[in-house]
């Protein structure tokens, strides 16, 4: 209505007074990625050659001072301070204006102007303690803006999920923490396997606050989907018992006391929270086997885009108990089986040498149900024929290397089933070739 139109007009007018309007998001990400942990990212962005903000401020101040034959003493410094105040006030105003129904379709798009502006704020993990203007840091303003937008537009929850997997860890954690709040307080409808996949990833995040938020999200999911208020807590308690010994040996260990699900995951030791995540995955895979197909597909698809080894190792490990529940359909074409097998193949191609044990375990867990071996081999044969038809020698050699590795994983579980299927396919091929040779 009229209110949304007015808010949009004001938002666009005020945006040009904000520092974020003068630098691209990709430049911020690249700059932050090159900084040492704990460095003042805000100052680095302001001084960057990719930002036009300082140049715009300097030009404005010079045009004002040019009106005076002799500028009053200290006027340049006062104008610089005024520019900082305007910048900060503009941010606060922009955050307030997005609180309400989305302006239009562009404001609903994850790559639209509103979300891009929020991304720029959340991408800055650390701002110097000596702020020019007293008030919330830009990351806090980004949290407020995102919270206001999602609270009034809970249907945008799904659109924001991809942001939780962003390559910039500051953006990813910022979105996740706000989405946890919204998920707990708003009637958000999101498939449980999507939420659970996100929880499993965030339970091994280096940030302790993110791990605690993940446990809280699991608790809310249990209440909402399975009407089991204590399920997330019970699963966490059982998992915590598995990692309690490792946790108690470390300095500052805090997991294991009290009844609150957040207290369970307070431990800061990497081995401890990774073990906790695996134990939790085992418990959830036992309790909710019906989610296995969709959850494995979701997690494997996300792993195709992930390049963070610290996250990938425990996430791939946590998939093993879910893989035990899978029954690959035959025929496998045109359903979840095809999508999952393609994801598993390409994850093996891209990360198989980096995580040979973890990925090998996923294939062997899948092969423990020996009826899965034939459709997996059939998938590989069809994929190989498709790649061979492309006449790209490099891709064909890549396929052969990955295929041999996968067949080896399957054969370790059931050599008779694996070799038997390959022998039958080879015999079929020979029978098809013999008449052609006779005609020739």
Protein backbone atom coordinates (compact mmCIF):
# COMPACT_ATOMS: atom_id res chain seq x y z
CA UNK A 1 0.00 0.00 0.00
CA UNK A 2 0.90 3.65 0.41
CA UNK A 3 2.96 2.99 3.54
CA UNK A 4 5.22 0.52 1.70
CA UNK A 5 5.68 2.94 -1.19
CA UNK A 6 6.64 5.75 1.17
CA UNK A 7 9.08 3.52 3.08
CA UNK A 8 10.67 2.43 -0.20
CA UNK A 9 11.05 6.03 -1.37
CA UNK A 10 12.63 7.09 1.93
CA UNK A 11 14.88 4.04 1.96
CA UNK A 12 16.26 4.77 -1.49
CA UNK A 13 16.79 8.46 -0.63
CA UNK A 14 18.61 7.72 2.63
CA UNK A 15 20.73 4.88 1.19
CA UNK A 16 23.04 7.35 -0.61
CA UNK A 17 24.02 8.82 2.79
CA UNK A 18 25.18 5.40 3.99
CA UNK A 19 28.76 4.18 3.56
CA UNK A 20 27.53 0.83 2.22
CA UNK A 21 26.23 2.52 -0.95
CA UNK A 22 29.81 3.27 -2.03
CA UNK A 23 31.32 -0.22 -2.15
CA UNK A 24 30.29 -3.52 -3.73
CA UNK A 25 29.49 -6.56 -1.59
CA UNK A 26 32.05 -8.73 -3.40
CA UNK A 27 34.75 -6.14 -2.61
CA UNK A 28 33.84 -6.20 1.08
CA UNK A 29 33.98 -10.01 1.12
CA UNK A 30 37.36 -10.07 -0.62
CA UNK A 31 38.76 -7.46 1.76
CA UNK A 32 37.49 -9.19 4.90
CA UNK A 33 38.82 -12.56 3.68
CA UNK A 34 42.32 -11.07 3.47
CA UNK A 35 42.34 -9.61 7.00
CA UNK A 36 43.88 -11.23 10.05
CA UNK A 37 41.40 -12.46 12.70
CA UNK A 38 40.35 -9.62 14.99
CA UNK A 39 41.50 -6.87 12.61
CA UNK A 40 39.38 -3.71 12.31
CA UNK A 41 37.45 -4.57 9.16
CA UNK A 42 35.43 -1.33 9.22
CA UNK A 43 38.56 0.81 9.07
CA UNK A 44 40.06 -1.38 6.35
CA UNK A 45 36.91 -1.00 4.23
CA UNK A 46 36.84 2.76 4.67
CA UNK A 47 40.47 3.04 3.59
CA UNK A 48 40.12 0.60 0.70
CA UNK A 49 40.60 1.78 -2.87
CA UNK A 50 37.39 -0.12 -3.72
CA UNK A 51 35.31 2.23 -1.54
CA UNK A 52 34.29 5.63 -2.88
CA UNK A 53 32.91 6.76 0.48
CA UNK A 54 35.95 8.72 1.68
CA UNK A 55 36.32 10.34 -1.73
CA UNK A 56 32.66 11.40 -1.71
CA UNK A 57 32.96 12.84 1.82
CA UNK A 58 36.18 14.69 0.96
CA UNK A 59 34.63 16.17 -2.18
CA UNK A 60 31.60 17.35 -0.21
CA UNK A 61 33.72 18.93 2.51
CA UNK A 62 35.98 20.63 -0.04
CA UNK A 63 32.97 22.10 -1.83
CA UNK A 64 31.74 23.57 1.47
CA UNK A 65 35.14 24.97 2.44
CA UNK A 66 35.55 26.48 -1.03
CA UNK A 67 32.84 29.00 -0.17
CA UNK A 68 35.12 30.58 2.42
CA UNK A 69 38.17 32.63 1.64
CA UNK A 70 39.61 31.38 4.91
CA UNK A 71 37.81 28.45 6.48
CA UNK A 72 37.19 28.70 10.24
CA UNK A 73 39.65 26.79 12.39
CA UNK A 74 38.62 23.19 13.02
CA UNK A 75 35.79 23.31 10.48
CA UNK A 76 37.16 20.43 8.38
CA UNK A 77 37.30 18.19 11.45
CA UNK A 78 33.76 19.16 12.44
CA UNK A 79 32.47 18.36 8.96
CA UNK A 80 34.20 14.97 9.02
CA UNK A 81 32.53 14.24 12.37
CA UNK A 82 29.18 15.35 10.93
CA UNK A 83 29.66 12.97 7.99
CA UNK A 84 30.27 10.08 10.40
CA UNK A 85 27.13 11.01 12.37
CA UNK A 86 25.04 11.18 9.19
CA UNK A 87 26.41 7.81 8.07
CA UNK A 88 25.50 6.20 11.39
CA UNK A 89 22.06 7.85 11.50
CA UNK A 90 21.39 6.76 7.92
CA UNK A 91 22.13 3.14 8.85
CA UNK A 92 19.76 3.29 11.80
CA UNK A 93 17.04 4.86 9.66
CA UNK A 94 17.45 2.27 6.91
CA UNK A 95 17.14 -0.55 9.46
CA UNK A 96 13.94 1.00 10.85
CA UNK A 97 12.43 1.43 7.38
CA UNK A 98 12.74 -2.25 6.41
CA UNK A 99 10.74 -3.22 9.49
CA UNK A 100 7.39 -4.03 7.94
CA UNK A 101 5.98 -5.71 4.83
CA UNK A 102 8.59 -5.91 2.06
CA UNK A 103 8.50 -2.86 -0.24
CA UNK A 104 8.23 -4.84 -3.47
CA UNK A 105 9.51 -7.99 -5.19
CA UNK A 106 13.06 -6.64 -5.34
CA UNK A 107 13.10 -6.26 -1.55
CA UNK A 108 12.13 -9.93 -1.31
CA UNK A 109 14.97 -11.16 -3.52
CA UNK A 110 18.09 -12.47 -1.70
CA UNK A 111 20.19 -10.61 -4.29
CA UNK A 112 18.03 -7.46 -4.18
CA UNK A 113 19.07 -4.06 -2.82
CA UNK A 114 17.73 -4.59 0.72
CA UNK A 115 19.32 -7.97 1.35
CA UNK A 116 22.57 -6.83 -0.28
CA UNK A 117 22.70 -3.85 2.09
CA UNK A 118 22.12 -6.17 5.06
CA UNK A 119 24.84 -8.50 3.76
CA UNK A 120 27.30 -5.60 3.65
CA UNK A 121 26.62 -4.82 7.31
CA UNK A 122 26.87 -8.45 8.47
CA UNK A 123 30.02 -9.08 6.41
CA UNK A 124 32.05 -6.93 8.84
CA UNK A 125 32.98 -9.24 11.72
CA UNK A 126 34.97 -6.73 13.76
CA UNK A 127 34.78 -2.98 14.16
CA UNK A 128 37.39 -0.93 16.02
CA UNK A 129 36.78 -0.20 19.68
CA UNK A 130 37.45 3.50 19.13
CA UNK A 131 34.30 4.35 17.22
CA UNK A 132 33.91 7.90 15.97
CA UNK A 133 30.18 7.85 16.74
CA UNK A 134 28.79 6.19 19.86
CA UNK A 135 26.07 3.66 19.07
CA UNK A 136 25.43 0.17 17.73
CA UNK A 137 28.08 -1.28 15.46
CA UNK A 138 27.12 -1.94 11.86
CA UNK A 139 26.79 -5.68 12.49
CA UNK A 140 24.23 -5.01 15.24
CA UNK A 141 22.33 -2.70 12.88
CA UNK A 142 22.35 -5.51 10.29
CA UNK A 143 20.90 -7.90 12.88
CA UNK A 144 18.15 -5.41 13.71
CA UNK A 145 17.30 -4.85 10.03
CA UNK A 146 17.16 -8.57 9.22
CA UNK A 147 15.13 -9.32 12.34
CA UNK A 148 12.59 -6.63 11.47
CA UNK A 149 12.33 -7.80 7.86
CA UNK A 150 11.87 -11.50 8.70
CA UNK A 151 9.50 -10.86 11.60
CA UNK A 152 7.06 -9.07 9.27
CA UNK A 153 7.77 -11.36 6.31
CA UNK A 154 8.22 -14.88 7.71
CA UNK A 155 7.69 -16.28 4.21
CA UNK A 156 11.19 -14.98 3.39
CA UNK A 157 12.70 -17.52 5.80
CA UNK A 158 13.37 -20.06 3.04
CA UNK A 159 14.95 -17.38 0.83
CA UNK A 160 17.43 -16.59 3.62
CA UNK A 161 18.54 -20.19 4.18
CA UNK A 162 21.24 -20.01 1.52
CA UNK A 163 22.76 -17.04 3.36
CA UNK A 164 23.43 -19.30 6.36
CA UNK A 165 25.87 -21.20 4.13
CA UNK A 166 27.57 -18.08 2.77
CA UNK A 167 31.32 -18.27 2.15
CA UNK A 168 31.74 -15.21 4.42
CA UNK A 169 31.45 -16.74 7.90
CA UNK A 170 30.34 -13.44 9.40
CA UNK A 171 27.36 -13.22 7.03
CA UNK A 172 26.54 -16.89 7.57
CA UNK A 173 26.56 -16.66 11.37
CA UNK A 174 24.69 -13.33 11.34
CA UNK A 175 21.84 -14.74 9.28
CA UNK A 176 21.73 -17.95 11.27
CA UNK A 177 21.52 -16.22 14.64
CA UNK A 178 18.66 -13.97 13.51
CA UNK A 179 16.86 -16.84 11.81
CA UNK A 180 17.06 -18.85 15.05
CA UNK A 181 15.24 -16.02 16.84
CA UNK A 182 12.60 -15.76 14.13
CA UNK A 183 12.15 -19.53 13.94
CA UNK A 184 11.49 -19.64 17.68
CA UNK A 185 9.04 -16.72 17.78
CA UNK A 186 7.21 -16.79 14.42
CA UNK A 187 5.01 -19.43 12.77
CA UNK A 188 7.66 -20.25 10.21
CA UNK A 189 6.94 -23.28 8.06
CA UNK A 190 10.11 -24.95 6.86
CA UNK A 191 10.59 -28.66 6.07
CA UNK A 192 12.17 -30.37 9.10
CA UNK A 193 14.97 -31.96 7.05
CA UNK A 194 16.07 -28.49 5.87
CA UNK A 195 16.22 -27.19 9.45
CA UNK A 196 17.91 -30.34 10.72
CA UNK A 197 20.57 -30.20 8.00
CA UNK A 198 21.32 -26.61 8.98
CA UNK A 199 21.51 -27.55 12.65
CA UNK A 200 24.02 -30.34 11.97
CA UNK A 201 26.26 -27.90 10.10
CA UNK A 202 26.05 -25.15 12.73
CA UNK A 203 26.71 -27.54 15.63
CA UNK A 204 30.34 -27.67 14.49
CA UNK A 205 30.72 -23.94 13.84
CA UNK A 206 33.88 -22.49 15.47
CA UNK A 207 31.72 -19.86 17.21
CA UNK A 208 30.29 -21.13 20.50
CA UNK A 209 27.30 -18.78 20.34
CA UNK A 210 26.33 -20.24 16.94
CA UNK A 211 26.56 -23.78 18.33
CA UNK A 212 24.27 -22.88 21.21
CA UNK A 213 21.79 -21.27 18.83
CA UNK A 214 21.82 -24.47 16.76
CA UNK A 215 20.88 -26.51 19.81
CA UNK A 216 18.07 -24.09 20.59
CA UNK A 217 16.78 -24.37 17.01
CA UNK A 218 16.72 -28.16 17.36
CA UNK A 219 14.73 -27.81 20.59
CA UNK A 220 12.14 -25.60 18.87
CA UNK A 221 11.99 -27.99 15.88
CA UNK A 222 11.30 -30.92 18.24
CA UNK A 223 8.43 -29.08 19.89
CA UNK A 224 6.92 -27.91 16.61
CA UNK A 225 7.28 -30.96 14.37
CA UNK A 226 7.37 -33.92 16.71
CA UNK A 227 5.43 -32.52 19.68
CA UNK A 228 8.31 -33.59 21.90
CA UNK A 229 9.34 -30.63 24.03
CA UNK A 230 12.31 -32.43 25.53
CA UNK A 231 13.46 -34.31 22.44
CA UNK A 232 16.16 -31.89 21.42
CA UNK A 233 17.27 -31.71 25.04
CA UNK A 234 17.19 -35.49 25.45
CA UNK A 235 19.13 -36.08 22.24
CA UNK A 236 21.64 -33.46 23.31
CA UNK A 237 22.01 -35.00 26.76
CA UNK A 238 22.66 -38.45 25.27
CA UNK A 239 25.18 -37.00 22.83
CA UNK A 240 26.85 -35.02 25.60
CA UNK A 241 27.49 -38.22 27.54
CA UNK A 242 29.49 -39.47 24.54
CA UNK A 243 31.80 -36.43 24.60
CA UNK A 244 31.86 -35.73 28.32
CA UNK A 245 35.23 -37.32 28.91
CA UNK A 246 36.96 -35.26 26.26
CA UNK A 247 35.29 -32.11 27.49
CA UNK A 248 36.21 -32.54 31.14
CA UNK A 249 39.92 -32.67 30.29
CA UNK A 250 39.99 -29.28 28.59
CA UNK A 251 40.27 -25.83 30.11
CA UNK A 252 37.04 -23.90 30.31
CA UNK A 253 34.84 -26.94 29.54
CA UNK A 254 31.22 -26.16 30.29
CA UNK A 255 29.15 -28.99 28.81
CA UNK A 256 27.41 -31.43 31.06
CA UNK A 257 25.61 -29.57 33.78
CA UNK A 258 22.10 -28.32 34.27
CA UNK A 259 18.95 -29.05 32.30
CA UNK A 260 18.99 -26.32 29.66
CA UNK A 261 19.76 -27.62 26.18
CA UNK A 262 22.09 -24.63 25.56
CA UNK A 263 24.28 -25.53 28.52
CA UNK A 264 24.98 -28.93 26.98
CA UNK A 265 27.04 -27.49 24.13
CA UNK A 266 29.00 -24.83 25.97
CA UNK A 267 32.28 -26.70 25.49
CA UNK A 268 34.94 -24.91 23.45
CA UNK A 269 37.10 -27.91 22.50
CA UNK A 270 36.83 -28.76 18.81
CA UNK A 271 37.06 -32.53 19.34
CA UNK A 272 34.36 -32.32 21.99
CA UNK A 273 31.71 -30.48 19.98
CA UNK A 274 32.42 -32.55 16.88
CA UNK A 275 31.93 -35.74 18.88
CA UNK A 276 28.75 -34.23 20.33
CA UNK A 277 27.44 -33.52 16.84
CA UNK A 278 28.13 -37.08 15.66
CA UNK A 279 26.45 -38.63 18.70
CA UNK A 280 23.46 -36.35 18.18
CA UNK A 281 23.25 -37.31 14.49
CA UNK A 282 23.21 -41.01 15.47
CA UNK A 283 20.38 -40.44 17.91
CA UNK A 284 18.31 -38.40 15.45
CA UNK A 285 18.88 -40.91 12.63
CA UNK A 286 17.48 -43.63 14.90
CA UNK A 287 14.50 -41.54 15.99
CA UNK A 288 13.58 -40.05 12.58
CA UNK A 289 14.62 -42.45 9.80
CA UNK A 290 11.84 -41.03 7.60
CA UNK A 291 13.95 -37.88 7.13
CA UNK A 292 17.01 -39.75 5.85
CA UNK A 293 16.38 -39.44 2.11
CA UNK A 294 15.63 -35.71 2.08
CA UNK A 295 18.26 -34.85 4.69
CA UNK A 296 21.10 -36.72 2.93
CA UNK A 297 20.17 -35.05 -0.35
CA UNK A 298 20.10 -31.59 1.26
CA UNK A 299 23.41 -31.99 3.09
CA UNK A 300 25.26 -33.51 0.13
CA UNK A 301 23.99 -30.77 -2.19
CA UNK A 302 25.25 -28.12 0.25
CA UNK A 303 28.64 -29.83 0.44
CA UNK A 304 29.13 -29.25 -3.28
CA UNK A 305 29.47 -25.52 -2.57
CA UNK A 306 31.40 -25.81 0.69
CA UNK A 307 35.16 -25.22 0.77
CA UNK A 308 35.61 -25.03 4.53
CA UNK A 309 37.46 -28.17 5.57
CA UNK A 310 36.85 -27.57 9.28
CA UNK A 311 33.10 -27.78 8.65
CA UNK A 312 33.15 -30.43 5.91
CA UNK A 313 34.95 -33.11 7.91
CA UNK A 314 32.42 -33.37 10.79
CA UNK A 315 29.40 -32.77 8.53
CA UNK A 316 30.36 -35.63 6.19
CA UNK A 317 31.04 -37.79 9.25
CA UNK A 318 27.60 -37.02 10.71
CA UNK A 319 25.88 -38.24 7.52
CA UNK A 320 27.03 -41.84 8.03
CA UNK A 321 24.23 -42.90 10.42
CA UNK A 322 21.63 -41.41 8.06
CA UNK A 323 23.10 -43.27 5.08
CA UNK A 324 22.41 -46.56 6.88
CA UNK A 325 18.68 -45.84 6.58
CA UNK A 326 18.65 -45.32 2.81
CA UNK A 327 17.19 -47.68 0.23
CA UNK A 328 18.14 -46.56 -3.29
CA UNK A 329 15.23 -47.09 -5.65
CA UNK A 330 15.70 -49.09 -8.85
CA UNK A 331 15.03 -47.53 -11.31
CA UNK A 332 16.83 -44.58 -9.79
CA UNK A 333 16.16 -42.04 -12.55
CA UNK A 334 13.92 -39.02 -11.99
CA UNK A 335 13.68 -39.15 -8.18
CA UNK A 336 15.63 -38.34 -5.03
CA UNK A 337 17.97 -41.30 -5.65
CA UNK A 338 19.34 -39.74 -8.83
CA UNK A 339 19.83 -36.35 -7.18
CA UNK A 340 21.58 -37.89 -4.16
CA UNK A 341 23.85 -40.14 -6.23
CA UNK A 342 24.86 -37.21 -8.45
CA UNK A 343 25.68 -35.11 -5.39
CA UNK A 344 27.67 -37.95 -3.83
CA UNK A 345 29.58 -38.52 -7.07
CA UNK A 346 30.55 -34.86 -7.45
CA UNK A 347 31.45 -34.51 -3.76
CA UNK A 348 33.71 -37.56 -4.22
CA UNK A 349 35.20 -35.96 -7.33
CA UNK A 350 35.90 -32.60 -5.67
CA UNK A 351 36.76 -33.61 -2.12
CA UNK A 352 37.57 -37.34 -2.27
CA UNK A 353 41.31 -36.85 -1.96
CA UNK A 354 40.91 -34.37 0.91
CA UNK A 355 38.45 -36.52 2.89
CA UNK A 356 38.99 -40.11 1.67
CA UNK A 357 37.95 -41.76 4.93
CA UNK A 358 34.79 -39.70 5.49
CA UNK A 359 33.54 -40.01 1.90
CA UNK A 360 34.52 -43.67 1.68
CA UNK A 361 32.50 -44.34 4.80
CA UNK A 362 29.39 -42.80 3.24
CA UNK A 363 29.60 -45.16 0.24
CA UNK A 364 30.26 -48.17 2.44
CA UNK A 365 27.34 -47.30 4.73
CA UNK A 366 25.13 -47.08 1.65
CA UNK A 367 26.42 -50.48 0.48
CA UNK A 368 25.66 -52.19 3.81
CA UNK A 369 22.18 -52.63 2.38
CA UNK A 370 23.43 -54.81 -0.46
CA UNK A 371 20.33 -54.08 -2.54
CA UNK A 372 21.75 -50.54 -2.94
CA UNK A 373 24.86 -51.77 -4.77
CA UNK A 374 23.19 -52.58 -8.09
CA UNK A 375 21.46 -49.19 -8.55
CA UNK A 376 24.69 -47.38 -7.58
CA UNK A 377 26.67 -49.34 -10.17
CA UNK A 378 23.92 -48.80 -12.75
CA UNK A 379 24.07 -45.07 -12.05
CA UNK A 380 27.84 -45.07 -12.58
CA UNK A 381 27.54 -46.97 -15.87
CA UNK A 382 24.98 -44.52 -17.25
CA UNK A 383 26.96 -41.52 -16.02
CA UNK A 384 30.09 -42.94 -17.66
CA UNK A 385 28.29 -43.33 -20.98
CA UNK A 386 27.03 -39.74 -20.80
CA UNK A 387 30.54 -38.43 -20.12
CA UNK A 388 32.04 -40.62 -22.87
CA UNK A 389 29.60 -39.14 -25.40
CA UNK A 390 30.94 -35.65 -24.57
CA UNK A 391 34.33 -36.68 -26.03
CA UNK A 392 36.14 -34.73 -23.32
CA UNK A 393 39.21 -36.81 -22.43
CA UNK A 394 39.93 -34.90 -19.20
CA UNK A 395 36.39 -35.45 -17.88
CA UNK A 396 36.49 -39.11 -18.88
CA UNK A 397 39.77 -39.68 -17.03
CA UNK A 398 38.32 -37.90 -13.97
CA UNK A 399 35.26 -40.13 -14.11
CA UNK A 400 37.33 -43.32 -14.37
CA UNK A 401 39.42 -42.34 -11.35
CA UNK A 402 36.35 -41.53 -9.21
CA UNK A 403 34.41 -44.55 -10.48
CA UNK A 404 37.23 -46.95 -9.55
CA UNK A 405 37.34 -45.45 -6.07
CA UNK A 406 33.56 -45.82 -5.56
CA UNK A 407 33.53 -49.41 -6.89
CA UNK A 408 36.35 -50.24 -4.47
CA UNK A 409 34.30 -48.84 -1.57
CA UNK A 410 31.32 -51.00 -2.60
CA UNK A 411 33.45 -54.11 -3.13
CA UNK A 412 34.88 -53.85 0.37
CA UNK A 413 31.37 -54.37 1.74
CA UNK A 414 30.08 -56.97 -0.72
CA UNK A 415 32.59 -58.17 -3.31
CA UNK A 416 30.27 -60.88 -4.64
CA UNK A 417 27.40 -58.45 -5.31
CA UNK A 418 29.69 -55.84 -6.87
CA UNK A 419 31.67 -58.18 -9.11
CA UNK A 420 28.54 -60.16 -10.01
CA UNK A 421 26.72 -57.07 -11.31
CA UNK A 422 29.75 -55.88 -13.29
CA UNK A 423 30.20 -59.35 -14.81
CA UNK A 424 26.56 -59.43 -15.93
CA UNK A 425 26.85 -55.98 -17.52
CA UNK A 426 30.07 -56.99 -19.27
CA UNK A 427 28.39 -60.13 -20.64
CA UNK A 428 25.49 -58.03 -21.93
CA UNK A 429 27.93 -55.73 -23.68
CA UNK A 430 29.69 -58.66 -25.36
CA UNK A 431 26.38 -60.08 -26.57
CA UNK A 432 25.45 -56.73 -28.08
CA UNK A 433 28.79 -56.48 -29.89
CA UNK A 434 28.90 -60.05 -31.31
CA UNK A 435 26.04 -59.66 -33.87
CA UNK A 436 27.58 -56.42 -35.09
CA UNK A 437 30.89 -58.21 -35.68
CA UNK A 438 29.10 -61.03 -37.51
CA UNK A 439 27.37 -58.60 -39.86
CA UNK A 440 30.65 -56.86 -40.57
